N, C-alpha and C. Protein backbone atom coordinates (compact mmCIF):
# COMPACT_ATOMS: atom_id res chain seq x y z
N UNK A 1 6.19 31.06 -17.39
CA UNK A 1 5.65 30.08 -16.46
C UNK A 1 4.95 28.96 -17.22
N UNK A 2 4.95 27.79 -16.60
CA UNK A 2 4.22 26.64 -17.14
C UNK A 2 3.26 26.16 -16.06
N UNK A 3 1.97 26.03 -16.44
CA UNK A 3 0.94 25.60 -15.51
C UNK A 3 0.39 24.25 -15.96
N UNK A 4 0.46 23.26 -15.08
CA UNK A 4 -0.06 21.92 -15.38
C UNK A 4 -1.23 21.65 -14.44
N UNK A 5 -2.39 21.35 -15.00
CA UNK A 5 -3.59 21.11 -14.21
C UNK A 5 -4.15 19.73 -14.51
N UNK A 6 -4.40 18.96 -13.45
CA UNK A 6 -5.09 17.68 -13.60
C UNK A 6 -6.20 17.64 -12.54
N UNK A 7 -7.44 17.83 -13.00
CA UNK A 7 -8.61 17.91 -12.11
C UNK A 7 -8.40 19.04 -11.09
N UNK A 8 -8.08 18.72 -9.84
CA UNK A 8 -7.87 19.76 -8.84
C UNK A 8 -6.43 19.81 -8.34
N UNK A 9 -5.52 19.15 -9.07
CA UNK A 9 -4.09 19.20 -8.73
C UNK A 9 -3.37 20.10 -9.72
N UNK A 10 -2.48 20.95 -9.22
CA UNK A 10 -1.81 21.94 -10.06
C UNK A 10 -0.31 21.92 -9.79
N UNK A 11 0.47 21.99 -10.87
CA UNK A 11 1.91 22.24 -10.77
C UNK A 11 2.20 23.54 -11.51
N UNK A 12 2.95 24.43 -10.86
CA UNK A 12 3.31 25.70 -11.47
C UNK A 12 4.82 25.87 -11.40
N UNK A 13 5.46 26.08 -12.53
CA UNK A 13 6.91 26.27 -12.56
C UNK A 13 7.24 27.52 -13.36
N UNK A 14 8.38 28.12 -13.05
CA UNK A 14 8.81 29.31 -13.77
C UNK A 14 10.17 29.77 -13.29
N UNK A 15 10.72 30.77 -13.94
CA UNK A 15 12.06 31.25 -13.62
C UNK A 15 12.06 32.36 -12.57
N UNK A 16 10.91 33.01 -12.36
CA UNK A 16 10.85 34.15 -11.44
C UNK A 16 9.96 33.82 -10.25
N UNK A 17 10.53 33.85 -9.04
CA UNK A 17 9.74 33.59 -7.83
C UNK A 17 8.66 34.66 -7.65
N UNK A 18 8.98 35.90 -7.99
CA UNK A 18 8.00 36.97 -7.84
C UNK A 18 6.79 36.76 -8.74
N UNK A 19 7.04 36.35 -9.97
CA UNK A 19 5.94 36.08 -10.90
C UNK A 19 5.09 34.91 -10.42
N UNK A 20 5.75 33.89 -9.90
CA UNK A 20 5.02 32.72 -9.41
C UNK A 20 4.14 33.11 -8.22
N UNK A 21 4.70 33.88 -7.27
CA UNK A 21 3.94 34.29 -6.10
C UNK A 21 2.75 35.16 -6.50
N UNK A 22 2.97 36.04 -7.47
CA UNK A 22 1.90 36.92 -7.93
C UNK A 22 0.79 36.13 -8.59
N UNK A 23 1.17 35.14 -9.38
CA UNK A 23 0.18 34.32 -10.08
C UNK A 23 -0.62 33.47 -9.10
N UNK A 24 0.05 32.91 -8.10
CA UNK A 24 -0.63 32.12 -7.08
C UNK A 24 -1.62 32.98 -6.31
N UNK A 25 -1.23 34.21 -5.99
CA UNK A 25 -2.13 35.13 -5.29
C UNK A 25 -3.37 35.42 -6.13
N UNK A 26 -3.16 35.55 -7.44
CA UNK A 26 -4.30 35.80 -8.33
C UNK A 26 -5.25 34.60 -8.36
N UNK A 27 -4.68 33.40 -8.37
CA UNK A 27 -5.51 32.20 -8.37
C UNK A 27 -6.34 32.12 -7.09
N UNK A 28 -5.75 32.49 -5.97
CA UNK A 28 -6.45 32.41 -4.68
C UNK A 28 -7.64 33.36 -4.61
N UNK A 29 -7.61 34.41 -5.43
CA UNK A 29 -8.75 35.34 -5.43
C UNK A 29 -9.93 34.78 -6.23
N UNK A 30 -9.66 33.75 -7.02
CA UNK A 30 -10.71 33.18 -7.88
C UNK A 30 -11.35 31.93 -7.28
N UNK A 31 -10.57 31.13 -6.55
CA UNK A 31 -11.11 29.92 -5.93
C UNK A 31 -10.21 29.50 -4.77
N UNK A 32 -10.79 28.70 -3.87
CA UNK A 32 -10.05 28.25 -2.69
C UNK A 32 -8.96 27.27 -3.11
N UNK A 33 -7.76 27.48 -2.63
CA UNK A 33 -6.65 26.60 -2.96
C UNK A 33 -5.62 26.63 -1.85
N UNK A 34 -4.77 25.62 -1.82
CA UNK A 34 -3.73 25.51 -0.80
C UNK A 34 -2.39 25.33 -1.48
N UNK A 35 -1.43 26.17 -1.11
CA UNK A 35 -0.08 26.08 -1.66
C UNK A 35 0.70 25.04 -0.85
N UNK A 36 1.08 23.94 -1.48
CA UNK A 36 1.80 22.86 -0.80
C UNK A 36 3.31 23.01 -0.88
N UNK A 37 3.78 24.12 -1.43
CA UNK A 37 5.22 24.35 -1.48
C UNK A 37 5.91 23.64 -2.63
N UNK A 38 7.17 23.33 -2.43
CA UNK A 38 7.97 22.70 -3.49
C UNK A 38 7.38 21.34 -3.88
N UNK A 39 7.49 21.02 -5.15
CA UNK A 39 6.95 19.77 -5.68
C UNK A 39 7.64 18.56 -5.05
N UNK A 40 6.84 17.63 -4.55
CA UNK A 40 7.40 16.40 -3.98
C UNK A 40 6.65 15.16 -4.45
N UNK A 41 5.35 15.30 -4.75
CA UNK A 41 4.55 14.13 -5.14
C UNK A 41 3.39 14.61 -6.00
N UNK A 42 3.18 13.97 -7.14
CA UNK A 42 2.11 14.38 -8.05
C UNK A 42 1.65 13.19 -8.87
N UNK A 43 0.41 12.78 -8.65
CA UNK A 43 -0.20 11.69 -9.42
C UNK A 43 0.66 10.43 -9.42
N UNK A 44 1.20 10.07 -8.27
CA UNK A 44 2.00 8.86 -8.16
C UNK A 44 3.46 9.03 -8.54
N UNK A 45 3.84 10.24 -8.93
CA UNK A 45 5.23 10.51 -9.32
C UNK A 45 5.92 11.28 -8.21
N UNK A 46 7.03 10.76 -7.72
CA UNK A 46 7.79 11.40 -6.66
C UNK A 46 8.90 12.26 -7.27
N UNK A 47 9.04 13.46 -6.74
CA UNK A 47 10.05 14.39 -7.25
C UNK A 47 11.02 14.77 -6.14
N UNK A 48 12.30 14.56 -6.39
CA UNK A 48 13.33 14.95 -5.44
C UNK A 48 14.16 16.07 -6.07
N UNK A 49 14.02 17.26 -5.52
CA UNK A 49 14.68 18.43 -6.08
C UNK A 49 16.07 18.60 -5.48
N UNK A 50 17.04 18.93 -6.33
CA UNK A 50 18.42 19.17 -5.88
C UNK A 50 18.83 20.56 -6.35
N UNK A 51 18.77 21.52 -5.42
CA UNK A 51 19.08 22.91 -5.77
C UNK A 51 20.54 23.10 -6.17
N UNK A 52 21.44 22.27 -5.63
CA UNK A 52 22.87 22.44 -5.91
C UNK A 52 23.20 22.13 -7.37
N UNK A 53 22.45 21.23 -7.97
CA UNK A 53 22.69 20.86 -9.37
C UNK A 53 21.56 21.33 -10.28
N UNK A 54 20.57 22.02 -9.72
CA UNK A 54 19.42 22.49 -10.49
C UNK A 54 18.77 21.34 -11.26
N UNK A 55 18.51 20.26 -10.55
CA UNK A 55 17.94 19.08 -11.19
C UNK A 55 16.81 18.50 -10.36
N UNK A 56 16.02 17.66 -10.99
CA UNK A 56 14.91 16.98 -10.30
C UNK A 56 14.90 15.51 -10.72
N UNK A 57 14.90 14.63 -9.73
CA UNK A 57 14.81 13.20 -9.99
C UNK A 57 13.36 12.77 -9.85
N UNK A 58 12.78 12.22 -10.92
CA UNK A 58 11.40 11.75 -10.91
C UNK A 58 11.38 10.23 -10.84
N UNK A 59 10.70 9.69 -9.85
CA UNK A 59 10.59 8.24 -9.69
C UNK A 59 9.13 7.87 -9.39
N UNK A 60 8.85 6.57 -9.43
CA UNK A 60 7.54 6.05 -9.04
C UNK A 60 7.74 4.85 -8.12
N UNK A 61 8.58 5.04 -7.11
CA UNK A 61 8.91 3.94 -6.20
C UNK A 61 7.68 3.45 -5.45
N UNK A 62 6.90 4.36 -4.90
CA UNK A 62 5.71 3.98 -4.14
C UNK A 62 4.72 3.24 -5.05
N UNK A 63 4.53 3.77 -6.24
CA UNK A 63 3.62 3.13 -7.21
C UNK A 63 4.13 1.74 -7.58
N UNK A 64 5.45 1.61 -7.74
CA UNK A 64 6.04 0.32 -8.11
C UNK A 64 5.79 -0.73 -7.02
N UNK A 65 5.97 -0.33 -5.77
CA UNK A 65 5.75 -1.26 -4.66
C UNK A 65 4.28 -1.66 -4.59
N UNK A 66 3.38 -0.70 -4.78
CA UNK A 66 1.95 -1.02 -4.78
C UNK A 66 1.61 -1.97 -5.92
N UNK A 67 2.28 -1.80 -7.05
CA UNK A 67 2.07 -2.66 -8.21
C UNK A 67 2.52 -4.08 -7.91
N UNK A 68 3.66 -4.23 -7.28
CA UNK A 68 4.17 -5.55 -6.92
C UNK A 68 3.24 -6.23 -5.90
N UNK A 69 2.71 -5.46 -4.96
CA UNK A 69 1.78 -6.02 -3.98
C UNK A 69 0.48 -6.47 -4.66
N UNK A 70 -0.05 -5.64 -5.54
CA UNK A 70 -1.32 -5.92 -6.18
C UNK A 70 -1.30 -7.23 -6.96
N UNK A 71 -0.16 -7.51 -7.60
CA UNK A 71 -0.07 -8.72 -8.42
C UNK A 71 0.75 -9.81 -7.74
N UNK A 72 0.86 -9.71 -6.41
CA UNK A 72 1.49 -10.74 -5.58
C UNK A 72 2.90 -11.06 -6.07
N UNK A 73 3.68 -10.01 -6.35
CA UNK A 73 5.05 -10.19 -6.84
C UNK A 73 6.06 -9.47 -5.95
N UNK A 74 5.64 -9.07 -4.75
CA UNK A 74 6.53 -8.31 -3.87
C UNK A 74 7.72 -9.15 -3.42
N UNK A 75 7.52 -10.47 -3.30
CA UNK A 75 8.60 -11.35 -2.85
C UNK A 75 9.22 -12.13 -4.01
N UNK A 76 8.99 -11.66 -5.24
CA UNK A 76 9.52 -12.37 -6.40
C UNK A 76 11.04 -12.21 -6.49
N UNK A 77 11.66 -13.07 -7.27
CA UNK A 77 13.10 -13.01 -7.48
C UNK A 77 13.41 -11.96 -8.56
N UNK A 78 14.23 -10.94 -8.24
CA UNK A 78 14.54 -9.90 -9.23
C UNK A 78 15.32 -10.47 -10.42
N UNK A 79 15.23 -9.78 -11.55
CA UNK A 79 16.02 -10.14 -12.73
C UNK A 79 16.65 -8.88 -13.30
N UNK A 80 17.64 -9.05 -14.15
CA UNK A 80 18.43 -7.92 -14.64
C UNK A 80 17.94 -7.35 -15.97
N UNK A 81 16.97 -8.00 -16.59
CA UNK A 81 16.47 -7.51 -17.87
C UNK A 81 14.95 -7.68 -17.93
N UNK A 82 14.22 -6.69 -18.48
CA UNK A 82 12.75 -6.82 -18.56
C UNK A 82 12.28 -7.73 -19.69
N UNK A 83 13.18 -8.08 -20.60
CA UNK A 83 12.81 -8.92 -21.74
C UNK A 83 13.80 -10.06 -21.87
N UNK A 84 13.28 -11.26 -22.03
CA UNK A 84 14.15 -12.43 -22.19
C UNK A 84 14.77 -12.44 -23.58
N UNK A 85 16.00 -12.92 -23.69
CA UNK A 85 16.65 -13.04 -24.98
C UNK A 85 16.05 -14.21 -25.76
N UNK A 86 16.24 -14.18 -27.07
CA UNK A 86 15.74 -15.26 -27.89
C UNK A 86 14.62 -14.79 -28.81
N UNK A 87 13.89 -15.71 -29.36
CA UNK A 87 12.83 -15.40 -30.32
C UNK A 87 11.68 -14.66 -29.65
N UNK A 88 11.02 -13.83 -30.44
CA UNK A 88 9.86 -13.12 -29.94
C UNK A 88 8.69 -14.08 -29.78
N UNK A 89 7.85 -13.82 -28.81
CA UNK A 89 6.68 -14.67 -28.58
C UNK A 89 5.66 -14.49 -29.69
N UNK A 90 4.96 -15.56 -29.99
CA UNK A 90 3.90 -15.53 -31.00
C UNK A 90 2.55 -15.30 -30.31
N UNK A 91 1.58 -14.85 -31.09
CA UNK A 91 0.23 -14.70 -30.58
C UNK A 91 -0.36 -16.04 -30.13
N UNK A 92 0.18 -17.12 -30.67
CA UNK A 92 -0.41 -18.44 -30.45
C UNK A 92 0.38 -19.30 -29.46
N UNK A 93 1.41 -18.73 -28.86
CA UNK A 93 2.18 -19.48 -27.86
C UNK A 93 1.37 -19.62 -26.57
N UNK A 94 1.40 -20.81 -25.97
CA UNK A 94 0.79 -21.02 -24.68
C UNK A 94 -0.70 -21.30 -24.71
N UNK A 95 -1.30 -21.31 -23.52
CA UNK A 95 -2.72 -21.60 -23.33
C UNK A 95 -3.46 -20.33 -22.96
N UNK A 96 -4.62 -20.11 -23.56
CA UNK A 96 -5.40 -18.91 -23.29
C UNK A 96 -5.73 -18.79 -21.80
N UNK A 97 -5.66 -17.58 -21.28
CA UNK A 97 -5.97 -17.34 -19.88
C UNK A 97 -7.48 -17.39 -19.65
N UNK A 98 -7.88 -17.95 -18.52
CA UNK A 98 -9.30 -17.99 -18.18
C UNK A 98 -9.82 -16.60 -17.81
N UNK A 99 -8.92 -15.76 -17.29
CA UNK A 99 -9.31 -14.40 -16.89
C UNK A 99 -8.40 -13.39 -17.59
N UNK A 100 -8.69 -13.07 -18.86
CA UNK A 100 -7.84 -12.12 -19.59
C UNK A 100 -7.84 -10.72 -18.99
N UNK A 101 -8.86 -10.37 -18.18
CA UNK A 101 -8.92 -9.05 -17.57
C UNK A 101 -7.76 -8.83 -16.61
N UNK A 102 -7.30 -9.91 -15.98
CA UNK A 102 -6.15 -9.83 -15.08
C UNK A 102 -4.91 -9.37 -15.85
N UNK A 103 -4.72 -9.94 -17.03
CA UNK A 103 -3.58 -9.58 -17.87
C UNK A 103 -3.70 -8.12 -18.31
N UNK A 104 -4.91 -7.71 -18.71
CA UNK A 104 -5.11 -6.33 -19.15
C UNK A 104 -4.85 -5.33 -18.04
N UNK A 105 -5.25 -5.69 -16.81
CA UNK A 105 -5.02 -4.82 -15.67
C UNK A 105 -3.53 -4.66 -15.39
N UNK A 106 -2.79 -5.77 -15.51
CA UNK A 106 -1.34 -5.73 -15.27
C UNK A 106 -0.63 -4.88 -16.31
N UNK A 107 -0.94 -5.09 -17.57
CA UNK A 107 -0.27 -4.34 -18.64
C UNK A 107 -0.64 -2.86 -18.57
N UNK A 108 -1.90 -2.57 -18.25
CA UNK A 108 -2.32 -1.18 -18.12
C UNK A 108 -1.58 -0.47 -17.00
N UNK A 109 -1.39 -1.16 -15.88
CA UNK A 109 -0.66 -0.58 -14.76
C UNK A 109 0.80 -0.36 -15.12
N UNK A 110 1.38 -1.26 -15.89
CA UNK A 110 2.77 -1.12 -16.32
C UNK A 110 2.94 0.07 -17.26
N UNK A 111 1.93 0.34 -18.07
CA UNK A 111 2.03 1.46 -19.01
C UNK A 111 2.17 2.79 -18.27
N UNK A 112 1.49 2.95 -17.15
CA UNK A 112 1.62 4.19 -16.39
C UNK A 112 3.02 4.33 -15.80
N UNK A 113 3.66 3.22 -15.52
CA UNK A 113 5.00 3.25 -14.94
C UNK A 113 6.04 3.76 -15.92
N UNK A 114 5.76 3.68 -17.21
CA UNK A 114 6.74 4.12 -18.21
C UNK A 114 6.93 5.64 -18.21
N UNK A 115 6.11 6.37 -17.46
CA UNK A 115 6.30 7.82 -17.37
C UNK A 115 7.68 8.18 -16.85
N UNK A 116 8.16 7.40 -15.87
CA UNK A 116 9.49 7.66 -15.31
C UNK A 116 10.44 6.49 -15.51
N UNK A 117 9.98 5.45 -16.20
CA UNK A 117 10.83 4.28 -16.44
C UNK A 117 10.88 3.97 -17.95
N UNK A 118 11.55 4.84 -18.72
CA UNK A 118 11.64 4.58 -20.17
C UNK A 118 12.39 3.29 -20.48
N UNK A 119 13.13 2.75 -19.50
CA UNK A 119 13.87 1.52 -19.73
C UNK A 119 12.96 0.31 -19.86
N UNK A 120 11.68 0.44 -19.49
CA UNK A 120 10.76 -0.69 -19.65
C UNK A 120 9.73 -0.41 -20.74
N UNK A 121 9.85 0.71 -21.44
CA UNK A 121 8.87 1.08 -22.46
C UNK A 121 8.75 0.02 -23.56
N UNK A 122 9.90 -0.46 -24.04
CA UNK A 122 9.86 -1.46 -25.10
C UNK A 122 9.18 -2.74 -24.62
N UNK A 123 9.55 -3.17 -23.41
CA UNK A 123 9.00 -4.42 -22.87
C UNK A 123 7.49 -4.31 -22.66
N UNK A 124 7.03 -3.16 -22.17
CA UNK A 124 5.60 -2.98 -21.94
C UNK A 124 4.84 -2.93 -23.26
N UNK A 125 5.40 -2.27 -24.25
CA UNK A 125 4.78 -2.25 -25.57
C UNK A 125 4.72 -3.65 -26.16
N UNK A 126 5.73 -4.44 -25.88
CA UNK A 126 5.82 -5.82 -26.36
C UNK A 126 4.65 -6.66 -25.83
N UNK A 127 4.46 -6.63 -24.50
CA UNK A 127 3.39 -7.46 -23.92
C UNK A 127 2.01 -6.88 -24.21
N UNK A 128 1.92 -5.57 -24.51
CA UNK A 128 0.64 -4.96 -24.82
C UNK A 128 0.09 -5.47 -26.16
N UNK A 129 0.94 -6.02 -27.00
CA UNK A 129 0.50 -6.53 -28.29
C UNK A 129 -0.34 -7.80 -28.17
N UNK A 130 -0.38 -8.39 -26.97
CA UNK A 130 -1.14 -9.62 -26.77
C UNK A 130 -2.40 -9.39 -25.94
N UNK A 131 -2.81 -8.15 -25.79
CA UNK A 131 -3.93 -7.80 -24.92
C UNK A 131 -5.24 -8.48 -25.32
N UNK A 132 -5.48 -8.64 -26.62
CA UNK A 132 -6.78 -9.14 -27.07
C UNK A 132 -6.93 -10.65 -26.90
N UNK A 133 -5.81 -11.37 -26.74
CA UNK A 133 -5.88 -12.83 -26.61
C UNK A 133 -4.68 -13.34 -25.81
N UNK A 134 -4.55 -12.95 -24.54
CA UNK A 134 -3.37 -13.30 -23.75
C UNK A 134 -3.35 -14.77 -23.35
N UNK A 135 -2.13 -15.30 -23.24
CA UNK A 135 -1.94 -16.68 -22.82
C UNK A 135 -1.04 -16.71 -21.58
N UNK A 136 -0.83 -17.92 -21.06
CA UNK A 136 0.04 -18.05 -19.89
C UNK A 136 1.48 -17.66 -20.22
N UNK A 137 1.89 -17.86 -21.47
CA UNK A 137 3.23 -17.46 -21.89
C UNK A 137 3.36 -15.94 -21.86
N UNK A 138 2.35 -15.25 -22.36
CA UNK A 138 2.37 -13.78 -22.36
C UNK A 138 2.35 -13.23 -20.93
N UNK A 139 1.63 -13.91 -20.05
CA UNK A 139 1.57 -13.48 -18.65
C UNK A 139 2.94 -13.58 -17.99
N UNK A 140 3.68 -14.63 -18.31
CA UNK A 140 5.01 -14.78 -17.75
C UNK A 140 5.94 -13.67 -18.25
N UNK A 141 5.75 -13.24 -19.50
CA UNK A 141 6.54 -12.14 -20.04
C UNK A 141 6.25 -10.85 -19.28
N UNK A 142 4.97 -10.62 -18.97
CA UNK A 142 4.59 -9.42 -18.23
C UNK A 142 5.13 -9.47 -16.80
N UNK A 143 5.09 -10.64 -16.19
CA UNK A 143 5.59 -10.77 -14.82
C UNK A 143 7.11 -10.63 -14.76
N UNK A 144 7.79 -10.92 -15.87
CA UNK A 144 9.24 -10.72 -15.91
C UNK A 144 9.56 -9.23 -15.79
N UNK A 145 8.70 -8.38 -16.34
CA UNK A 145 8.89 -6.93 -16.19
C UNK A 145 8.78 -6.55 -14.72
N UNK A 146 7.83 -7.14 -14.00
CA UNK A 146 7.69 -6.87 -12.57
C UNK A 146 8.93 -7.33 -11.80
N UNK A 147 9.50 -8.44 -12.20
CA UNK A 147 10.73 -8.92 -11.56
C UNK A 147 11.88 -7.95 -11.79
N UNK A 148 11.92 -7.36 -12.98
CA UNK A 148 12.95 -6.37 -13.29
C UNK A 148 12.74 -5.12 -12.44
N UNK A 149 11.48 -4.70 -12.29
CA UNK A 149 11.16 -3.53 -11.48
C UNK A 149 11.54 -3.78 -10.02
N UNK A 150 11.29 -5.01 -9.54
CA UNK A 150 11.64 -5.35 -8.17
C UNK A 150 13.14 -5.13 -7.90
N UNK A 151 13.95 -5.43 -8.89
CA UNK A 151 15.39 -5.30 -8.72
C UNK A 151 15.94 -3.92 -9.04
N UNK A 152 15.07 -2.99 -9.42
CA UNK A 152 15.55 -1.65 -9.78
C UNK A 152 14.66 -0.55 -9.20
N UNK A 153 14.12 -0.79 -8.00
CA UNK A 153 13.29 0.21 -7.35
C UNK A 153 14.10 1.49 -7.11
N UNK A 154 13.49 2.62 -7.28
CA UNK A 154 14.17 3.89 -7.08
C UNK A 154 14.76 4.47 -8.35
N UNK A 155 14.74 3.71 -9.43
CA UNK A 155 15.24 4.22 -10.70
C UNK A 155 14.22 5.16 -11.33
N UNK A 156 14.70 6.23 -11.96
CA UNK A 156 13.80 7.16 -12.62
C UNK A 156 14.53 7.97 -13.66
N UNK A 157 14.04 9.15 -13.93
CA UNK A 157 14.70 10.05 -14.87
C UNK A 157 15.02 11.36 -14.16
N UNK A 158 16.11 11.98 -14.56
CA UNK A 158 16.54 13.23 -13.95
C UNK A 158 16.37 14.38 -14.95
N UNK A 159 15.68 15.42 -14.53
CA UNK A 159 15.52 16.60 -15.36
C UNK A 159 16.58 17.62 -14.94
N UNK A 160 17.39 18.05 -15.89
CA UNK A 160 18.45 19.02 -15.60
C UNK A 160 18.44 20.12 -16.66
N UNK A 161 18.95 21.27 -16.29
CA UNK A 161 19.06 22.36 -17.24
C UNK A 161 20.12 22.04 -18.29
N UNK A 162 19.85 22.37 -19.53
CA UNK A 162 20.82 22.07 -20.58
C UNK A 162 20.47 22.78 -21.87
N UNK A 163 21.34 22.65 -22.85
CA UNK A 163 21.14 23.29 -24.14
C UNK A 163 20.84 22.21 -25.17
N UNK A 164 19.60 22.19 -25.65
CA UNK A 164 19.26 21.22 -26.70
C UNK A 164 18.59 21.98 -27.85
N UNK A 165 19.32 22.95 -28.37
CA UNK A 165 18.77 23.85 -29.38
C UNK A 165 18.77 23.25 -30.78
N UNK A 166 19.35 22.08 -30.95
CA UNK A 166 19.37 21.47 -32.28
C UNK A 166 18.35 20.34 -32.36
N UNK A 167 17.97 20.01 -33.57
CA UNK A 167 17.05 18.90 -33.79
C UNK A 167 17.84 17.59 -33.73
N UNK A 168 17.35 16.64 -32.97
CA UNK A 168 18.01 15.34 -32.83
C UNK A 168 17.01 14.24 -33.13
N UNK A 169 17.42 13.27 -33.92
CA UNK A 169 16.52 12.18 -34.29
C UNK A 169 17.22 10.84 -34.12
N UNK A 170 16.45 9.86 -33.70
CA UNK A 170 16.96 8.50 -33.54
C UNK A 170 15.95 7.54 -34.15
N UNK A 171 16.44 6.50 -34.78
CA UNK A 171 15.55 5.52 -35.37
C UNK A 171 16.19 4.14 -35.33
N UNK A 172 15.38 3.11 -35.32
CA UNK A 172 15.89 1.74 -35.31
C UNK A 172 14.80 0.81 -35.83
N UNK A 173 15.19 -0.36 -36.26
CA UNK A 173 14.22 -1.34 -36.74
C UNK A 173 14.85 -2.72 -36.71
N UNK A 174 13.98 -3.72 -36.64
CA UNK A 174 14.48 -5.09 -36.76
C UNK A 174 14.20 -5.56 -38.19
N UNK A 175 14.40 -6.84 -38.43
CA UNK A 175 14.17 -7.37 -39.78
C UNK A 175 13.23 -8.56 -39.66
N UNK A 176 11.98 -8.35 -40.13
CA UNK A 176 10.97 -9.42 -40.07
C UNK A 176 10.85 -9.97 -38.65
N UNK A 177 10.76 -9.05 -37.68
CA UNK A 177 10.80 -9.45 -36.28
C UNK A 177 9.55 -10.12 -35.76
N UNK A 178 8.40 -9.86 -36.37
CA UNK A 178 7.16 -10.47 -35.90
C UNK A 178 7.09 -11.93 -36.35
N UNK A 179 6.99 -12.91 -35.44
CA UNK A 179 6.98 -14.32 -35.84
C UNK A 179 5.69 -14.74 -36.54
N UNK A 180 4.64 -13.93 -36.43
CA UNK A 180 3.35 -14.29 -37.04
C UNK A 180 3.17 -13.70 -38.43
N UNK A 181 3.51 -12.40 -38.58
CA UNK A 181 3.30 -11.74 -39.88
C UNK A 181 4.59 -11.55 -40.66
N UNK A 182 5.74 -11.75 -39.99
CA UNK A 182 7.07 -11.51 -40.58
C UNK A 182 7.27 -10.04 -40.96
N UNK A 183 6.49 -9.16 -40.37
CA UNK A 183 6.68 -7.73 -40.60
C UNK A 183 7.81 -7.21 -39.74
N UNK A 184 8.47 -6.18 -40.24
CA UNK A 184 9.53 -5.53 -39.46
C UNK A 184 8.90 -4.52 -38.51
N UNK A 185 9.56 -4.29 -37.39
CA UNK A 185 9.08 -3.33 -36.40
C UNK A 185 10.07 -2.18 -36.36
N UNK A 186 9.55 -0.97 -36.54
CA UNK A 186 10.40 0.21 -36.55
C UNK A 186 9.96 1.19 -35.47
N UNK A 187 10.84 2.09 -35.12
CA UNK A 187 10.51 3.13 -34.15
C UNK A 187 11.42 4.32 -34.35
N UNK A 188 10.96 5.50 -33.95
CA UNK A 188 11.78 6.69 -34.08
C UNK A 188 11.33 7.73 -33.05
N UNK A 189 12.20 8.66 -32.76
CA UNK A 189 11.83 9.81 -31.93
C UNK A 189 12.65 11.01 -32.38
N UNK A 190 12.04 12.17 -32.33
CA UNK A 190 12.68 13.42 -32.73
C UNK A 190 12.48 14.44 -31.61
N UNK A 191 13.54 15.11 -31.21
CA UNK A 191 13.43 16.13 -30.16
C UNK A 191 13.98 17.46 -30.67
N UNK A 192 13.35 18.52 -30.21
CA UNK A 192 13.83 19.87 -30.52
C UNK A 192 13.40 20.79 -29.41
N UNK A 193 14.27 21.70 -29.02
CA UNK A 193 13.91 22.68 -28.01
C UNK A 193 14.92 23.81 -28.03
N UNK A 194 14.55 24.91 -27.39
CA UNK A 194 15.45 26.04 -27.30
C UNK A 194 16.40 25.85 -26.13
N UNK A 195 17.33 26.77 -25.97
CA UNK A 195 18.30 26.66 -24.89
C UNK A 195 17.61 26.78 -23.53
N UNK A 196 18.32 26.35 -22.49
CA UNK A 196 17.80 26.37 -21.13
C UNK A 196 16.59 25.47 -20.95
N UNK A 197 16.49 24.45 -21.78
CA UNK A 197 15.36 23.54 -21.65
C UNK A 197 15.71 22.45 -20.64
N UNK A 198 14.76 21.61 -20.37
CA UNK A 198 14.98 20.46 -19.51
C UNK A 198 15.22 19.24 -20.38
N UNK A 199 16.29 18.53 -20.12
CA UNK A 199 16.58 17.32 -20.89
C UNK A 199 16.50 16.12 -19.97
N UNK A 200 16.15 15.00 -20.53
CA UNK A 200 16.01 13.78 -19.75
C UNK A 200 17.32 13.02 -19.71
N UNK A 201 17.66 12.52 -18.55
CA UNK A 201 18.85 11.69 -18.39
C UNK A 201 18.47 10.43 -17.63
N UNK A 202 19.00 9.32 -18.08
CA UNK A 202 18.77 8.07 -17.38
C UNK A 202 19.58 8.06 -16.10
N UNK A 203 19.09 7.38 -15.08
CA UNK A 203 19.83 7.19 -13.85
C UNK A 203 19.97 5.71 -13.56
N UNK A 204 21.08 5.35 -13.02
CA UNK A 204 21.35 3.98 -12.56
C UNK A 204 21.62 3.00 -13.69
N UNK A 205 21.58 3.44 -14.94
CA UNK A 205 21.87 2.55 -16.05
C UNK A 205 22.85 3.23 -17.00
N UNK A 206 23.67 2.44 -17.63
CA UNK A 206 24.65 3.00 -18.54
C UNK A 206 24.10 3.15 -19.96
N UNK A 207 22.96 2.51 -20.24
CA UNK A 207 22.37 2.61 -21.57
C UNK A 207 21.74 3.99 -21.72
N UNK A 208 22.09 4.76 -22.74
CA UNK A 208 21.55 6.11 -22.88
C UNK A 208 20.08 6.10 -23.27
N UNK A 209 19.34 7.10 -22.82
CA UNK A 209 17.94 7.27 -23.18
C UNK A 209 17.76 8.61 -23.86
N UNK A 210 17.06 8.61 -24.95
CA UNK A 210 16.87 9.85 -25.68
C UNK A 210 15.38 10.16 -25.80
N UNK A 211 15.03 11.44 -25.75
CA UNK A 211 13.63 11.85 -25.85
C UNK A 211 13.53 12.97 -26.88
């Protein structure tokens, strides 16, 4: 069994229904609790379980809509990419914002969205690099991510049973990609697990995602 606890919210998963029921009964003897049944919503993450394929689709559609409303982007024009093509933005592009806290709030909210939207992880990390001195140019970059989200509501990741018993690694880098320091930017990820694990799969996009 795996037990996930956040303050007073609990998720319990396991392979044996009898063990789960027994454990829940034990918890009820220690403190007051309510069994809400199958997982459907947890900390802004929506879960749609499919017993026929033994999979779970995790999305943040409700959170995404609230995010668009909060930053007055609900009626914005959608776009097909979270990052514009061309040169990377510099720290010194544009005019400094009078209220940098607004930018920080937007980027912080976008970071939580990457839990189920790995397709915007790079873009969010990109705009987060300007947190200490944001400009109007950087704000437009962040709002472009919201426009992308507007056009891809309902997208998430699907957890399915699979065999990932081997070590898998991915790495990539650019060449002197930073326009200010001329430093290269690199990234990597390594995954390993035993059989019958849960693997992440992208939905609605043809670009593969690896974890």
